[in-house]
Amino acid sequence: GVTSAVVTTPVDVVKVRLQVQEAKEGGERPGFVRTARELVQADGLRGLYRGLIPRMASVAVWGTCMVSVYELLKKLSRVEDPARCDDGRSAEDTDNINADAAE
């Protein structure tokens, strides 16, 4: 999540710049590398990471929601088996353990 945001944010920033730039005189549109170079010259490396904090916050909120919903659905969809003990073992397993302990 956060690692991918750190890696891909500069690419996304340059991509958006390319999308909104007007064509230069002669109809030539600047390329990716040229746009990235101009952005770094104008704003430094910080310019490539504009929007990183909101993106990381979004990833964190999304991950939290996803795990929370997963756990809730897992809990709601659990089928109670009367043959199972509270610790997840079957009643037969418990009987075997008790028999082994008695020997």
N, C-alpha and C. Protein backbone atom coordinates (compact mmCIF):
# COMPACT_ATOMS: atom_id res chain seq x y z
N GLY A 1 0.80 -1.19 0.00
CA GLY A 1 0.00 0.00 0.00
C GLY A 1 0.84 1.26 0.00
N VAL A 2 1.51 1.49 1.12
CA VAL A 2 2.30 2.72 1.25
C VAL A 2 3.51 2.67 0.32
N THR A 3 4.14 1.50 0.23
CA THR A 3 5.30 1.37 -0.65
C THR A 3 4.92 1.64 -2.09
N SER A 4 3.80 1.09 -2.52
CA SER A 4 3.38 1.34 -3.90
C SER A 4 3.04 2.81 -4.11
N ALA A 5 2.49 3.47 -3.10
CA ALA A 5 2.20 4.90 -3.22
C ALA A 5 3.48 5.70 -3.38
N VAL A 6 4.51 5.36 -2.62
CA VAL A 6 5.80 6.06 -2.71
C VAL A 6 6.44 5.84 -4.08
N VAL A 7 6.30 4.63 -4.61
CA VAL A 7 6.93 4.30 -5.89
C VAL A 7 6.16 4.91 -7.07
N THR A 8 4.84 4.87 -7.02
CA THR A 8 4.05 5.27 -8.19
C THR A 8 3.60 6.73 -8.20
N THR A 9 3.66 7.42 -7.07
CA THR A 9 3.22 8.82 -7.05
C THR A 9 3.98 9.70 -8.03
N PRO A 10 5.31 9.63 -8.12
CA PRO A 10 6.00 10.47 -9.11
C PRO A 10 5.53 10.19 -10.54
N VAL A 11 5.29 8.94 -10.86
CA VAL A 11 4.81 8.58 -12.20
C VAL A 11 3.42 9.19 -12.43
N ASP A 12 2.57 9.10 -11.43
CA ASP A 12 1.22 9.67 -11.57
C ASP A 12 1.24 11.19 -11.69
N VAL A 13 2.13 11.85 -10.94
CA VAL A 13 2.22 13.31 -11.00
C VAL A 13 2.63 13.74 -12.41
N VAL A 14 3.64 13.08 -12.97
CA VAL A 14 4.09 13.42 -14.32
C VAL A 14 2.99 13.10 -15.34
N LYS A 15 2.30 11.96 -15.16
CA LYS A 15 1.22 11.58 -16.08
C LYS A 15 0.12 12.65 -16.10
N VAL A 16 -0.26 13.14 -14.93
CA VAL A 16 -1.30 14.17 -14.87
C VAL A 16 -0.82 15.46 -15.52
N ARG A 17 0.44 15.81 -15.29
CA ARG A 17 0.99 17.00 -15.94
C ARG A 17 0.92 16.86 -17.46
N LEU A 18 1.25 15.69 -17.95
CA LEU A 18 1.19 15.45 -19.40
C LEU A 18 -0.24 15.58 -19.92
N GLN A 19 -1.19 15.12 -19.13
CA GLN A 19 -2.59 15.16 -19.57
C GLN A 19 -3.13 16.58 -19.66
N VAL A 20 -2.66 17.46 -18.80
CA VAL A 20 -3.21 18.82 -18.78
C VAL A 20 -2.38 19.84 -19.52
N GLN A 21 -1.19 19.46 -19.98
CA GLN A 21 -0.33 20.41 -20.69
C GLN A 21 -0.88 20.71 -22.08
N GLU A 22 -0.68 21.93 -22.45
CA GLU A 22 -1.01 22.35 -23.82
C GLU A 22 0.16 21.98 -24.73
N ALA A 23 -0.15 21.77 -25.97
CA ALA A 23 0.91 21.49 -26.95
C ALA A 23 1.77 22.74 -27.12
N LYS A 24 3.06 22.55 -27.27
CA LYS A 24 3.99 23.67 -27.50
C LYS A 24 3.78 24.19 -28.92
N GLU A 25 4.45 25.30 -29.21
CA GLU A 25 4.35 25.85 -30.57
C GLU A 25 4.81 24.79 -31.56
N GLY A 26 4.11 24.68 -32.64
CA GLY A 26 4.44 23.67 -33.64
C GLY A 26 3.69 22.38 -33.41
N GLY A 27 2.84 22.34 -32.36
CA GLY A 27 2.02 21.16 -32.10
C GLY A 27 2.74 20.04 -31.38
N GLU A 28 3.97 20.28 -30.96
CA GLU A 28 4.73 19.23 -30.29
C GLU A 28 4.37 19.17 -28.81
N ARG A 29 4.06 17.98 -28.35
CA ARG A 29 3.78 17.78 -26.92
C ARG A 29 5.04 17.24 -26.25
N PRO A 30 5.36 17.75 -25.07
CA PRO A 30 6.56 17.26 -24.38
C PRO A 30 6.37 15.81 -23.93
N GLY A 31 7.47 15.08 -23.84
CA GLY A 31 7.43 13.68 -23.42
C GLY A 31 7.50 13.54 -21.91
N PHE A 32 7.48 12.31 -21.47
CA PHE A 32 7.48 11.99 -20.04
C PHE A 32 8.75 12.49 -19.35
N VAL A 33 9.89 12.13 -19.91
CA VAL A 33 11.17 12.49 -19.28
C VAL A 33 11.34 14.01 -19.24
N ARG A 34 11.00 14.67 -20.33
CA ARG A 34 11.13 16.13 -20.38
C ARG A 34 10.22 16.79 -19.34
N THR A 35 9.00 16.31 -19.24
CA THR A 35 8.06 16.86 -18.27
C THR A 35 8.57 16.63 -16.85
N ALA A 36 9.09 15.43 -16.57
CA ALA A 36 9.62 15.13 -15.24
C ALA A 36 10.81 16.03 -14.93
N ARG A 37 11.68 16.23 -15.89
CA ARG A 37 12.86 17.07 -15.70
C ARG A 37 12.44 18.52 -15.40
N GLU A 38 11.47 19.04 -16.16
CA GLU A 38 10.98 20.41 -15.93
C GLU A 38 10.34 20.53 -14.55
N LEU A 39 9.62 19.52 -14.14
CA LEU A 39 8.98 19.53 -12.83
C LEU A 39 10.02 19.55 -11.71
N VAL A 40 11.06 18.74 -11.84
CA VAL A 40 12.12 18.71 -10.82
C VAL A 40 12.89 20.03 -10.82
N GLN A 41 13.14 20.62 -11.99
CA GLN A 41 13.83 21.90 -12.04
C GLN A 41 13.01 23.01 -11.39
N ALA A 42 11.71 22.97 -11.58
CA ALA A 42 10.85 24.03 -11.03
C ALA A 42 10.58 23.84 -9.54
N ASP A 43 10.30 22.60 -9.11
CA ASP A 43 9.85 22.36 -7.73
C ASP A 43 10.76 21.45 -6.92
N GLY A 44 11.82 20.95 -7.51
CA GLY A 44 12.68 20.00 -6.81
C GLY A 44 12.00 18.62 -6.74
N LEU A 45 12.64 17.71 -6.03
CA LEU A 45 12.08 16.36 -5.91
C LEU A 45 10.73 16.36 -5.20
N ARG A 46 10.51 17.35 -4.35
CA ARG A 46 9.21 17.44 -3.66
C ARG A 46 8.07 17.58 -4.65
N GLY A 47 8.34 18.19 -5.79
CA GLY A 47 7.30 18.35 -6.80
C GLY A 47 6.78 17.02 -7.33
N LEU A 48 7.66 16.02 -7.36
CA LEU A 48 7.24 14.70 -7.84
C LEU A 48 6.35 13.98 -6.83
N TYR A 49 6.42 14.39 -5.58
CA TYR A 49 5.66 13.70 -4.53
C TYR A 49 4.47 14.51 -4.03
N ARG A 50 4.00 15.43 -4.84
CA ARG A 50 2.78 16.17 -4.45
C ARG A 50 1.62 15.20 -4.36
N GLY A 51 0.88 15.30 -3.27
CA GLY A 51 -0.27 14.43 -3.09
C GLY A 51 0.04 13.10 -2.45
N LEU A 52 1.28 12.89 -2.01
CA LEU A 52 1.66 11.61 -1.42
C LEU A 52 0.94 11.37 -0.09
N ILE A 53 0.87 12.37 0.77
CA ILE A 53 0.26 12.20 2.09
C ILE A 53 -1.23 11.84 1.96
N PRO A 54 -2.02 12.57 1.15
CA PRO A 54 -3.42 12.16 0.99
C PRO A 54 -3.56 10.75 0.40
N ARG A 55 -2.66 10.42 -0.50
CA ARG A 55 -2.73 9.07 -1.10
C ARG A 55 -2.42 8.00 -0.05
N MET A 56 -1.43 8.23 0.80
CA MET A 56 -1.11 7.26 1.85
C MET A 56 -2.26 7.17 2.86
N ALA A 57 -2.89 8.29 3.16
CA ALA A 57 -4.04 8.26 4.07
C ALA A 57 -5.18 7.46 3.45
N SER A 58 -5.39 7.63 2.16
CA SER A 58 -6.43 6.89 1.47
C SER A 58 -6.15 5.39 1.50
N VAL A 59 -4.90 5.01 1.28
CA VAL A 59 -4.51 3.60 1.32
C VAL A 59 -4.74 3.03 2.72
N ALA A 60 -4.39 3.80 3.74
CA ALA A 60 -4.56 3.34 5.12
C ALA A 60 -6.03 3.16 5.47
N VAL A 61 -6.86 4.12 5.08
CA VAL A 61 -8.29 4.01 5.36
C VAL A 61 -8.90 2.84 4.60
N TRP A 62 -8.53 2.68 3.34
CA TRP A 62 -9.04 1.57 2.54
C TRP A 62 -8.65 0.23 3.17
N GLY A 63 -7.39 0.09 3.56
CA GLY A 63 -6.92 -1.16 4.16
C GLY A 63 -7.65 -1.46 5.46
N THR A 64 -7.84 -0.44 6.29
CA THR A 64 -8.55 -0.62 7.55
C THR A 64 -9.99 -1.06 7.31
N CYS A 65 -10.65 -0.41 6.38
CA CYS A 65 -12.04 -0.78 6.07
C CYS A 65 -12.13 -2.20 5.52
N MET A 66 -11.21 -2.55 4.64
CA MET A 66 -11.23 -3.87 4.02
C MET A 66 -11.06 -4.97 5.07
N VAL A 67 -10.08 -4.81 5.96
CA VAL A 67 -9.84 -5.82 6.99
C VAL A 67 -11.01 -5.87 7.97
N SER A 68 -11.54 -4.72 8.34
CA SER A 68 -12.68 -4.69 9.28
C SER A 68 -13.90 -5.39 8.70
N VAL A 69 -14.21 -5.11 7.45
CA VAL A 69 -15.37 -5.74 6.81
C VAL A 69 -15.12 -7.24 6.65
N TYR A 70 -13.91 -7.62 6.29
CA TYR A 70 -13.58 -9.04 6.15
C TYR A 70 -13.80 -9.77 7.47
N GLU A 71 -13.27 -9.21 8.56
CA GLU A 71 -13.42 -9.85 9.86
C GLU A 71 -14.88 -9.93 10.28
N LEU A 72 -15.65 -8.87 10.03
CA LEU A 72 -17.06 -8.88 10.37
C LEU A 72 -17.81 -9.95 9.59
N LEU A 73 -17.56 -10.01 8.27
CA LEU A 73 -18.24 -11.02 7.46
C LEU A 73 -17.81 -12.43 7.84
N LYS A 74 -16.56 -12.60 8.19
CA LYS A 74 -16.08 -13.91 8.63
C LYS A 74 -16.81 -14.33 9.90
N LYS A 75 -16.97 -13.38 10.82
CA LYS A 75 -17.66 -13.67 12.07
C LYS A 75 -19.14 -13.97 11.84
N LEU A 76 -19.77 -13.18 10.98
CA LEU A 76 -21.20 -13.37 10.70
C LEU A 76 -21.50 -14.66 9.94
N SER A 77 -20.56 -15.10 9.12
CA SER A 77 -20.81 -16.28 8.30
C SER A 77 -20.36 -17.57 8.98
N ARG A 78 -19.81 -17.48 10.16
CA ARG A 78 -19.35 -18.67 10.87
C ARG A 78 -20.53 -19.53 11.28
N VAL A 79 -20.46 -20.79 10.96
CA VAL A 79 -21.53 -21.73 11.30
C VAL A 79 -21.11 -22.44 12.58
N GLU A 80 -21.99 -22.40 13.55
CA GLU A 80 -21.72 -23.07 14.81
C GLU A 80 -21.91 -24.56 14.64
N ASP A 81 -20.93 -25.34 15.06
CA ASP A 81 -21.00 -26.79 15.00
C ASP A 81 -21.08 -27.31 16.42
N PRO A 82 -22.20 -27.92 16.78
CA PRO A 82 -22.36 -28.39 18.16
C PRO A 82 -21.33 -29.45 18.54
N ALA A 83 -20.71 -30.10 17.55
CA ALA A 83 -19.71 -31.12 17.84
C ALA A 83 -18.34 -30.52 18.10
N ARG A 84 -18.20 -29.22 17.98
CA ARG A 84 -16.90 -28.56 18.20
C ARG A 84 -16.86 -27.93 19.58
N CYS A 85 -15.70 -27.95 20.18
CA CYS A 85 -15.48 -27.29 21.46
C CYS A 85 -15.18 -25.82 21.20
N ASP A 86 -15.05 -25.04 22.26
CA ASP A 86 -14.78 -23.61 22.13
C ASP A 86 -13.44 -23.33 21.46
N ASP A 87 -12.47 -24.24 21.61
CA ASP A 87 -11.15 -23.99 21.05
C ASP A 87 -11.01 -24.50 19.61
N GLY A 88 -12.10 -24.97 19.00
CA GLY A 88 -12.08 -25.38 17.61
C GLY A 88 -11.84 -26.86 17.39
N ARG A 89 -11.49 -27.59 18.46
CA ARG A 89 -11.30 -29.03 18.30
C ARG A 89 -12.64 -29.73 18.31
N SER A 90 -12.70 -30.88 17.65
CA SER A 90 -13.94 -31.64 17.65
C SER A 90 -14.08 -32.36 18.99
N ALA A 91 -15.29 -32.75 19.30
CA ALA A 91 -15.54 -33.48 20.54
C ALA A 91 -14.75 -34.79 20.55
N GLU A 92 -14.59 -35.40 19.40
CA GLU A 92 -13.82 -36.65 19.29
C GLU A 92 -12.36 -36.42 19.66
N ASP A 93 -11.78 -35.30 19.19
CA ASP A 93 -10.40 -34.97 19.54
C ASP A 93 -10.26 -34.80 21.05
N THR A 94 -11.21 -34.14 21.66
CA THR A 94 -11.18 -33.92 23.10
C THR A 94 -11.26 -35.23 23.85
N ASP A 95 -12.11 -36.15 23.37
CA ASP A 95 -12.22 -37.46 24.00
C ASP A 95 -10.90 -38.22 23.91
N ASN A 96 -10.23 -38.14 22.75
CA ASN A 96 -8.94 -38.81 22.56
C ASN A 96 -7.88 -38.23 23.49
N ILE A 97 -7.87 -36.92 23.64
CA ILE A 97 -6.90 -36.29 24.53
C ILE A 97 -7.16 -36.71 25.97
N ASN A 98 -8.43 -36.73 26.36
CA ASN A 98 -8.77 -37.15 27.72
C ASN A 98 -8.41 -38.60 27.97
N ALA A 99 -8.61 -39.46 26.96
CA ALA A 99 -8.27 -40.87 27.11
C ALA A 99 -6.76 -41.04 27.22
N ASP A 100 -5.99 -40.28 26.44
CA ASP A 100 -4.53 -40.34 26.50
C ASP A 100 -4.04 -39.89 27.88
N ALA A 101 -4.67 -38.87 28.43
CA ALA A 101 -4.27 -38.34 29.72
C ALA A 101 -4.57 -39.33 30.84
N ALA A 102 -5.61 -40.12 30.67
CA ALA A 102 -6.01 -41.08 31.71
C ALA A 102 -5.05 -42.27 31.75
N GLU A 103 -4.36 -42.55 30.68
CA GLU A 103 -3.45 -43.71 30.64
C GLU A 103 -2.21 -43.52 31.40
